[in-house]
Protein backbone atom coordinates (compact mmCIF):
# COMPACT_ATOMS: atom_id res chain seq x y z
CA MET A 1 -35.61 -23.47 16.98
CA ASN A 2 -32.83 -24.50 19.73
CA TYR A 3 -35.20 -25.58 22.01
CA ILE A 4 -36.64 -28.43 19.24
CA ILE A 5 -33.19 -29.25 18.05
CA LYS A 6 -31.78 -29.84 22.11
CA ILE A 7 -35.23 -32.18 22.76
CA LEU A 8 -34.06 -34.14 18.83
CA LEU A 9 -30.51 -34.46 19.83
CA ILE A 10 -31.73 -36.39 23.29
CA PHE A 11 -33.21 -38.93 21.45
CA SER A 12 -31.18 -39.20 18.05
CA ALA A 13 -28.68 -39.73 20.11
CA ILE A 14 -29.69 -42.50 22.26
CA PHE A 15 -30.82 -44.37 19.40
CA SER A 16 -27.60 -43.35 17.86
CA VAL A 17 -25.34 -44.79 20.48
CA SER A 18 -27.56 -48.09 20.91
CA LYS A 19 -27.97 -48.70 17.27
CA THR A 20 -24.08 -48.15 16.47
CA VAL A 21 -22.03 -49.05 19.89
CA LEU A 22 -20.32 -51.94 18.74
CA SER A 23 -19.37 -50.45 15.64
CA GLU A 24 -15.07 -49.81 15.03
CA GLU A 25 -15.59 -47.71 12.21
CA LEU A 26 -15.60 -43.79 12.83
CA ILE A 27 -17.45 -41.19 10.69
CA ILE A 28 -15.42 -38.38 10.46
CA TRP A 29 -17.35 -35.05 8.79
CA SER A 30 -14.84 -32.26 7.81
CA ARG A 31 -15.02 -28.98 5.04
CA GLY A 32 -11.35 -29.23 3.73
CA GLY A 33 -9.76 -32.15 2.09
CA TRP A 34 -6.66 -31.94 4.31
CA SER A 35 -8.39 -33.92 6.69
CA ASP A 36 -8.01 -37.19 3.74
CA TRP A 37 -4.11 -37.04 4.94
CA MET A 38 -5.23 -36.70 8.32
CA VAL A 39 -7.57 -39.99 8.24
CA GLU A 40 -5.06 -41.72 6.16
CA GLY A 41 -2.43 -41.46 8.97
CA PHE A 42 -4.64 -42.33 11.84
CA ASN A 43 -5.65 -45.96 9.86
CA LYS A 44 -2.31 -46.37 9.50
CA LYS A 45 -1.40 -46.01 12.97
CA MET A 46 -4.69 -48.25 13.88
CA THR A 47 -2.98 -50.70 11.76
CA ASP A 48 0.29 -50.71 12.90
CA GLU A 49 -1.01 -50.52 16.28
CA GLY A 50 -3.14 -54.00 15.89
CA LYS A 51 -6.62 -52.16 16.58
CA ASP A 52 -9.83 -52.69 14.57
CA ILE A 53 -10.68 -49.02 14.09
CA VAL A 54 -11.12 -47.50 10.60
CA ALA A 55 -12.03 -43.64 10.04
CA LEU A 56 -13.90 -42.55 7.46
CA ASN A 57 -13.68 -39.24 6.10
CA ASN A 58 -17.21 -37.60 4.54
CA LEU A 59 -15.95 -34.89 3.09
CA ILE A 60 -18.19 -32.53 3.18
CA GLY A 61 -16.88 -29.28 1.79
CA HIS A 62 -16.93 -25.28 3.33
CA ALA A 63 -20.11 -24.12 1.92
CA ASP A 64 -22.69 -26.92 2.21
CA PHE A 65 -20.95 -28.08 6.03
CA GLN A 66 -22.82 -26.31 8.54
CA VAL A 67 -26.46 -26.36 6.96
CA LYS A 68 -25.80 -30.72 6.40
CA PHE A 69 -24.21 -31.22 9.92
CA THR A 70 -27.32 -29.24 11.34
CA ALA A 71 -29.70 -31.53 9.52
CA ALA A 72 -27.98 -34.43 10.30
CA LEU A 73 -28.11 -33.37 13.88
CA ALA A 74 -31.67 -32.41 13.80
CA SER A 75 -32.18 -36.09 11.94
CA GLY A 76 -29.99 -38.88 14.82
CA GLU A 77 -27.68 -39.46 11.82
CA ARG A 78 -24.30 -40.64 12.91
CA VAL A 79 -21.34 -38.55 13.19
CA ASP A 80 -18.28 -39.35 15.26
CA VAL A 81 -15.97 -36.67 14.27
CA ALA A 82 -16.81 -33.39 13.51
CA ASN A 83 -14.08 -30.65 11.64
CA ILE A 84 -16.42 -27.25 12.63
CA ASP A 85 -15.28 -24.08 11.43
CA LEU A 86 -14.72 -22.25 14.49
CA ILE A 87 -16.97 -19.17 14.38
CA ASN A 88 -20.26 -21.99 14.49
CA VAL A 89 -19.01 -23.80 17.74
CA PRO A 90 -20.55 -21.82 20.02
CA TYR A 91 -23.63 -22.42 18.84
CA TYR A 92 -23.28 -25.98 18.53
CA ALA A 93 -22.32 -25.80 22.05
CA GLU A 94 -24.97 -23.58 23.39
CA ILE A 95 -27.96 -26.05 22.39
CA GLY A 96 -25.95 -29.22 23.54
CA ALA A 97 -25.01 -30.68 20.37
CA LEU A 98 -21.26 -31.52 21.23
CA GLU A 99 -19.60 -33.88 24.26
CA ASP A 100 -18.22 -32.40 26.71
CA MET A 101 -13.90 -32.80 26.04
CA THR A 102 -12.71 -31.23 29.32
CA ASP A 103 -11.17 -34.06 31.27
CA PHE A 104 -9.76 -35.05 27.99
CA LEU A 105 -7.75 -32.34 26.86
CA LYS A 106 -6.71 -30.86 30.75
CA SER A 107 -5.19 -34.51 30.88
CA LYS A 108 -2.80 -33.79 28.21
CA ASP A 109 0.79 -31.97 28.75
CA TYR A 110 0.18 -29.63 25.73
CA TYR A 111 -3.14 -28.71 27.11
CA ASP A 112 -1.51 -25.31 28.09
CA LYS A 113 -0.27 -25.02 24.71
CA LEU A 114 -3.39 -25.14 22.38
CA LEU A 115 -3.98 -22.09 20.82
CA LYS A 116 -6.20 -20.25 23.46
CA GLY A 117 -7.79 -17.79 20.57
CA MET A 118 -9.22 -21.10 19.09
CA LEU A 119 -10.09 -22.79 22.60
CA ALA A 120 -11.65 -19.80 23.36
CA LEU A 121 -14.61 -20.99 21.05
CA GLY A 122 -14.97 -23.74 21.76
CA THR A 123 -15.95 -23.30 25.61
CA ASN A 124 -19.02 -22.96 27.23
CA ASN A 125 -19.18 -21.99 30.74
CA GLY A 126 -16.18 -23.23 31.29
CA ARG A 127 -16.46 -26.41 29.99
CA HIS A 128 -14.10 -27.23 26.55
CA PHE A 129 -16.69 -28.43 23.77
CA ALA A 130 -14.48 -28.22 20.79
CA ALA A 131 -10.33 -28.30 20.43
CA PRO A 132 -8.10 -26.44 17.89
CA ASN A 133 -7.88 -28.61 15.00
CA ALA A 134 -6.73 -26.82 12.02
CA ALA A 135 -5.62 -23.04 12.07
CA ASP A 136 -6.49 -20.95 9.19
CA VAL A 137 -4.84 -16.98 10.36
CA SER A 138 -5.09 -14.14 8.19
CA GLY A 139 -2.23 -10.98 6.89
CA TYR A 140 -1.70 -9.00 4.59
CA VAL A 141 0.54 -10.47 1.71
CA VAL A 142 2.82 -7.69 -0.38
CA ASN A 143 4.03 -7.97 -3.91
CA LYS A 144 7.90 -7.11 -3.95
CA ASN A 145 7.66 -6.49 -7.22
CA LEU A 146 5.36 -3.53 -6.86
CA ILE A 147 5.87 -2.43 -3.82
CA PRO A 148 9.74 -2.76 -2.75
CA ASN A 149 9.48 -1.38 0.84
CA PRO A 150 6.01 -2.42 2.50
CA PRO A 151 4.17 -0.14 3.84
CA THR A 152 4.47 -0.22 8.11
CA ASN A 153 1.68 1.82 8.81
CA TRP A 154 -1.78 4.18 7.71
CA ALA A 155 0.56 6.90 6.42
CA GLU A 156 2.84 4.92 4.20
CA MET A 157 -0.14 3.23 2.84
CA THR A 158 -1.83 6.07 2.12
CA GLU A 159 1.50 7.78 0.32
CA LEU A 160 1.64 4.44 -1.69
CA CYS A 161 -2.01 4.69 -3.01
CA LYS A 162 -1.53 8.52 -4.32
CA GLN A 163 1.52 6.76 -6.15
CA PHE A 164 -0.44 3.48 -7.53
CA ALA A 165 -3.27 6.00 -8.70
CA ALA A 166 -1.43 8.78 -10.13
CA ASP A 167 0.16 5.52 -12.41
CA GLY A 168 -3.30 4.30 -12.90
CA LYS A 169 -2.79 1.38 -11.39
CA ILE A 170 -4.24 -1.01 -8.25
CA LEU A 171 -2.31 -1.11 -4.56
CA ILE A 172 -4.96 -2.69 -2.76
CA ALA A 173 -7.85 -4.68 -2.95
CA TRP A 174 -10.71 -6.92 -0.82
CA PRO A 175 -13.41 -8.85 -1.78
CA GLY A 176 -16.27 -6.73 -1.03
CA ASN A 177 -19.20 -8.75 -1.92
CA ASN A 178 -18.14 -11.56 0.29
CA TYR A 179 -19.03 -11.39 4.05
CA GLY A 180 -16.33 -14.14 5.13
CA GLY A 181 -13.71 -12.69 3.42
CA GLN A 182 -14.53 -9.20 4.92
CA ILE A 183 -14.01 -10.34 8.53
CA PHE A 184 -11.30 -12.44 7.78
CA THR A 185 -9.09 -9.46 6.14
CA VAL A 186 -10.39 -6.13 6.83
CA MET A 187 -11.76 -6.32 10.15
CA PRO A 188 -8.43 -7.37 11.96
CA VAL A 189 -7.55 -4.48 10.61
CA ALA A 190 -9.88 -2.78 12.87
CA TRP A 191 -9.21 -5.03 16.07
CA ALA A 192 -4.81 -3.56 15.70
CA ASN A 193 -5.89 -0.59 15.62
CA GLY A 194 -8.05 -1.20 18.67
CA GLY A 195 -11.62 -1.53 17.23
CA SER A 196 -14.01 -4.03 17.42
CA TRP A 197 -16.92 -5.96 15.99
CA THR A 198 -18.68 -6.83 19.15
CA SER A 199 -18.10 -7.49 22.89
CA PHE A 200 -15.79 -10.37 24.12
CA ASP A 201 -18.93 -12.40 25.15
CA GLY A 202 -20.95 -11.70 21.92
CA SER A 203 -23.87 -9.83 23.69
CA LYS A 204 -23.15 -6.80 22.32
CA ALA A 205 -22.73 -4.83 18.53
CA GLU A 206 -19.75 -2.69 18.68
CA LEU A 207 -19.39 -2.19 15.11
CA ASN A 208 -20.07 2.01 15.59
CA HIS A 209 -16.54 1.44 18.18
CA PRO A 210 -14.75 4.90 17.09
CA LYS A 211 -11.23 2.89 16.14
CA THR A 212 -13.29 0.81 14.04
CA ILE A 213 -14.96 3.54 12.43
CA GLU A 214 -11.14 5.41 11.63
CA MET A 215 -9.93 2.14 10.09
CA TYR A 216 -13.10 2.12 7.29
CA GLU A 217 -12.81 5.80 7.12
CA HIS A 218 -8.74 4.64 6.17
CA TYR A 219 -9.98 2.24 3.38
CA GLN A 220 -12.80 3.99 1.92
CA ASN A 221 -9.79 7.36 2.10
CA MET A 222 -8.31 4.95 -0.39
CA ILE A 223 -10.64 4.12 -2.71
CA ASN A 224 -10.86 8.23 -2.90
CA ILE A 225 -7.36 8.46 -3.83
CA GLY A 226 -7.84 5.91 -7.05
CA CYS A 227 -5.80 3.17 -6.15
CA VAL A 228 -8.66 0.48 -5.22
CA PRO A 229 -10.38 -0.76 -8.20
CA LYS A 230 -13.79 1.44 -7.85
CA ASN A 231 -16.73 -1.19 -8.35
CA VAL A 232 -14.38 -3.10 -5.04
CA SER A 233 -18.12 -3.60 -3.54
CA SER A 234 -19.07 -6.19 -5.72
CA TRP A 235 -15.44 -8.36 -5.96
CA GLY A 236 -15.32 -11.65 -4.82
CA TRP A 237 -12.34 -13.79 -3.22
CA GLY A 238 -11.36 -14.60 -6.25
CA ASP A 239 -11.07 -11.52 -7.94
CA LYS A 240 -8.67 -9.91 -5.44
CA GLN A 241 -6.52 -12.88 -5.34
CA ASP A 242 -6.70 -13.41 -9.22
CA GLY A 243 -5.15 -10.18 -9.66
CA PHE A 244 -2.45 -10.15 -6.92
CA LEU A 245 -1.65 -13.53 -8.40
CA ALA A 246 -1.52 -12.18 -11.66
CA GLY A 247 1.08 -9.41 -10.62
CA ASP A 248 -1.37 -6.71 -11.22
CA ILE A 249 -2.41 -5.54 -7.06
CA GLY A 250 -0.01 -4.73 -4.95
CA MET A 251 -1.14 -6.19 -2.00
CA ILE A 252 -4.09 -8.06 -0.60
CA GLY A 253 -5.30 -9.58 3.00
CA THR A 254 -5.16 -13.43 2.62
CA GLY A 255 -4.43 -16.60 4.40
CA ASN A 256 -1.24 -18.83 5.35
CA PHE A 257 -2.62 -21.09 3.16
CA MET A 258 -1.61 -18.40 0.02
CA ILE A 259 2.36 -19.77 0.82
CA ASN A 260 1.41 -22.88 -1.16
CA VAL A 261 -1.06 -20.53 -3.53
CA VAL A 262 1.61 -18.34 -4.21
CA LYS A 263 4.31 -20.73 -5.19
CA ASP A 264 3.31 -21.19 -8.84
CA HIS A 265 3.18 -17.82 -9.77
CA LEU A 266 6.48 -16.85 -8.90
CA ASP A 267 7.22 -15.58 -12.10
CA LYS A 268 4.36 -12.40 -11.54
CA VAL A 269 4.71 -11.87 -7.65
CA ASP A 270 7.64 -11.89 -4.93
CA PRO A 271 5.72 -12.35 -2.00
CA HIS A 272 5.81 -10.51 1.39
CA PHE A 273 3.70 -11.79 4.41
CA MET A 274 2.74 -9.43 6.76
CA ALA A 275 -0.06 -9.12 9.76
CA PHE A 276 -2.27 -6.62 10.21
CA MET A 277 -1.58 -3.32 11.71
CA SER A 278 -2.71 -0.35 13.47
CA LYS A 279 -2.92 3.43 12.70
CA ASP A 280 0.74 4.18 13.74
CA GLY A 281 1.97 0.43 13.19
CA SER A 282 2.68 0.00 16.84
CA THR A 283 0.02 -3.54 17.10
CA LYS A 284 -0.17 -6.43 15.13
CA SER A 285 -3.68 -8.57 14.77
CA ALA A 286 -5.18 -11.43 12.57
CA PHE A 287 -8.18 -13.27 12.41
CA ILE A 288 -7.26 -16.85 14.06
CA GLY A 289 -9.72 -18.99 12.15
CA GLY A 290 -9.66 -22.77 10.95
CA ASP A 291 -11.48 -25.70 12.36
CA LEU A 292 -12.12 -26.98 15.55
CA ILE A 293 -12.63 -30.89 16.16
CA ALA A 294 -14.95 -31.99 18.72
CA ILE A 295 -17.42 -35.20 19.17
CA PRO A 296 -20.87 -34.41 18.17
CA ALA A 297 -23.89 -35.98 20.94
CA THR A 298 -25.18 -38.15 18.21
CA THR A 299 -21.54 -40.22 18.28
CA GLY A 300 -21.93 -43.95 18.39
CA ASN A 301 -17.69 -44.31 19.21
CA LYS A 302 -16.58 -41.94 21.70
CA GLU A 303 -14.22 -43.75 23.26
CA ALA A 304 -12.59 -44.07 19.20
CA ALA A 305 -13.58 -40.74 18.34
CA LEU A 306 -11.19 -39.39 21.54
CA GLU A 307 -8.21 -41.74 20.05
CA TYR A 308 -8.93 -40.37 16.69
CA ILE A 309 -8.34 -36.48 18.31
CA GLU A 310 -5.38 -37.63 20.28
CA TYR A 311 -3.69 -38.46 17.34
CA VAL A 312 -4.96 -35.46 15.12
CA LEU A 313 -3.17 -33.63 18.46
CA SER A 314 -0.04 -35.05 18.63
CA TYR A 315 2.92 -34.46 17.21
CA GLU A 316 2.44 -36.95 14.13
CA GLY A 317 -0.96 -35.60 13.37
CA GLN A 318 0.00 -31.79 14.33
CA VAL A 319 3.51 -32.02 12.76
CA GLU A 320 4.55 -34.66 10.12
CA VAL A 321 0.95 -34.62 8.69
CA TYR A 322 -0.84 -30.80 8.88
CA THR A 323 2.49 -28.66 9.04
CA LYS A 324 4.00 -30.88 6.49
CA ASN A 325 0.93 -30.21 3.59
CA GLY A 326 1.32 -26.32 4.97
CA GLY A 327 -0.38 -25.57 7.93
CA ILE A 328 0.40 -23.79 11.30
CA PRO A 329 0.01 -26.22 14.67
CA VAL A 330 -2.38 -25.51 16.89
CA ARG A 331 -0.14 -26.17 20.17
CA SER A 332 2.21 -23.32 20.32
CA ASP A 333 5.28 -26.18 21.22
CA LEU A 334 5.38 -27.20 17.95
CA PHE A 335 5.91 -23.66 16.51
CA GLU A 336 10.05 -24.51 17.81
CA GLY A 337 11.82 -26.32 15.58
CA ASN A 338 9.47 -27.70 13.47
CA PRO A 339 11.26 -28.47 9.78
CA TYR A 340 8.06 -27.41 8.16
CA LEU A 341 7.71 -23.61 9.41
CA THR A 342 9.42 -21.48 6.79
CA ASP A 343 10.06 -17.81 7.73
CA GLN A 344 6.63 -17.23 5.51
CA HIS A 345 4.70 -19.34 7.87
CA MET A 346 6.22 -18.03 11.56
CA VAL A 347 4.77 -14.59 10.35
CA PHE A 348 0.90 -15.88 10.60
CA ALA A 349 2.36 -18.58 13.52
CA ASN A 350 3.90 -15.57 15.42
CA ALA A 351 0.48 -14.33 14.66
CA VAL A 352 -2.26 -15.82 16.22
CA ASN A 353 -0.18 -15.09 19.63
CA GLU A 354 -0.51 -11.30 19.31
CA PRO A 355 -3.09 -9.56 21.45
CA ALA A 356 -5.22 -7.96 19.40
CA ALA A 357 -5.73 -10.79 17.09
CA SER A 358 -9.30 -12.31 17.43
CA ALA A 359 -11.89 -14.89 16.41
CA PRO A 360 -15.60 -13.12 17.45
CA PHE A 361 -17.46 -15.38 19.76
CA THR A 362 -21.05 -15.29 18.94
CA TYR A 363 -23.65 -17.71 19.02
CA VAL A 364 -25.66 -16.31 16.43
CA TYR A 365 -22.53 -15.88 13.38
CA GLN A 366 -24.61 -16.85 10.57
CA GLU A 367 -27.91 -14.29 11.14
CA LEU A 368 -25.09 -11.67 11.87
CA MET A 369 -23.84 -11.71 8.32
CA ASP A 370 -26.82 -9.85 6.39
CA PRO A 371 -26.14 -6.76 8.15
CA TRP A 372 -22.30 -7.24 8.39
CA LEU A 373 -22.26 -7.45 4.45
CA VAL A 374 -24.44 -4.55 3.95
CA PHE A 375 -21.95 -2.33 6.40
CA ASN A 376 -19.00 -2.58 4.10
CA GLN A 377 -21.21 -2.39 0.96
CA ARG A 378 -22.49 0.94 1.41
CA ILE A 379 -19.60 2.40 2.77
CA TRP A 380 -17.36 0.76 -0.22
CA ASN A 381 -19.93 2.38 -2.09
CA GLY A 382 -19.20 5.54 -0.64
CA GLU A 383 -21.58 6.40 2.71
CA ASP A 384 -20.79 7.83 5.47
CA VAL A 385 -18.98 5.46 7.64
CA LYS A 386 -20.66 6.20 10.92
CA THR A 387 -23.50 6.82 10.02
CA VAL A 388 -23.82 3.58 8.30
CA ALA A 389 -21.84 2.02 11.36
CA ASP A 390 -24.59 3.26 13.92
CA GLU A 391 -27.31 1.66 11.70
CA GLN A 392 -25.70 -1.26 11.23
CA THR A 393 -24.95 -1.91 14.06
CA ALA A 394 -28.35 -1.59 15.70
CA ALA A 395 -29.44 -4.04 13.08
CA MET A 396 -26.74 -6.61 14.56
CA GLN A 397 -28.12 -5.92 18.04
CA LYS A 398 -31.46 -6.77 17.44
CA ILE A 399 -30.07 -10.46 16.01
CA ILE A 400 -27.99 -10.45 18.80
CA ASP A 401 -30.84 -9.89 21.68
CA SER A 402 -33.52 -11.72 19.72
CA GLY A 403 -30.96 -15.10 20.12
CA TYR A 404 -32.13 -16.37 16.88
């Protein structure tokens, strides 16, 4: 499949460029509505500078983006700039679907300030094919109305669990039926503990890492104590978030976007944000997610695309557009003195620099989601953690080795 797409990209790129090179329209593909603000800001800048470039935002949505983007690449449909879920970028870079941006990025004085955990997923064989764009960073949110003193390690969490169970209350819940939610809000706890999901280069499945197993046994123990919903294996993202916002759950894993969401629920929730923690609490972690921005091989206007990306990464784009609307900058030099970053935002901004914070690098992320979900579902339904980890690690390794 990769070979077929590579061949199609060669011909479609040539056709696309020859057909549209004179056009000053810039076709942007995006997953999130925040991109409307960025396009609006860019177009205003172009008008103010007297430049005849108009960006058009094609909002695909999170659920359909990968399928539609892959189809667009194969058919040669023109896409000038793509805001891609960073976890899928290694695949597109590997098959030659993205333009090399290395020289452009290295020419910028903020190059060394781009969030390294995000930049790494847009890098292939030492070359950059995508840049950080919009950060989604995970962590815990605690309702201090229910937990005045948030836990600082697993032992304290377990004691709280016993107290909540005795009172028939829910301390914590997670989206057991949502593979994306699991890797975003559960796996980072294992990373904080020294555990692993795959090796750094994505070549080896490591679900059965002893420290990952230890973390899952901790969560399974809380189920057994009784402070977790009995049917948590069937819970989706909305179930645990809605329960938390209603004031019925003590703490959940979430992301920096919750800072804005919870503002409408302060009658029920007194929010406290904190990073995921290791067993002894000494190490913190997060999933560094979000979008990378790239120029597809089917672009019809690479120079204008680079101008758009330059705006996105500029102070104006990252501070006056993205951070002003609730985001976290993808440049560390824009943390200090940023008028829109609150203490709550800084919990997530600081988490991206934690050594244990990560996002898995793999060319087959989507294909690994089936065994990953099976892994979680079986554990949340009470099966032995090590047995399940060994079996699903083997299943993941088979997929990785196949290169599918």
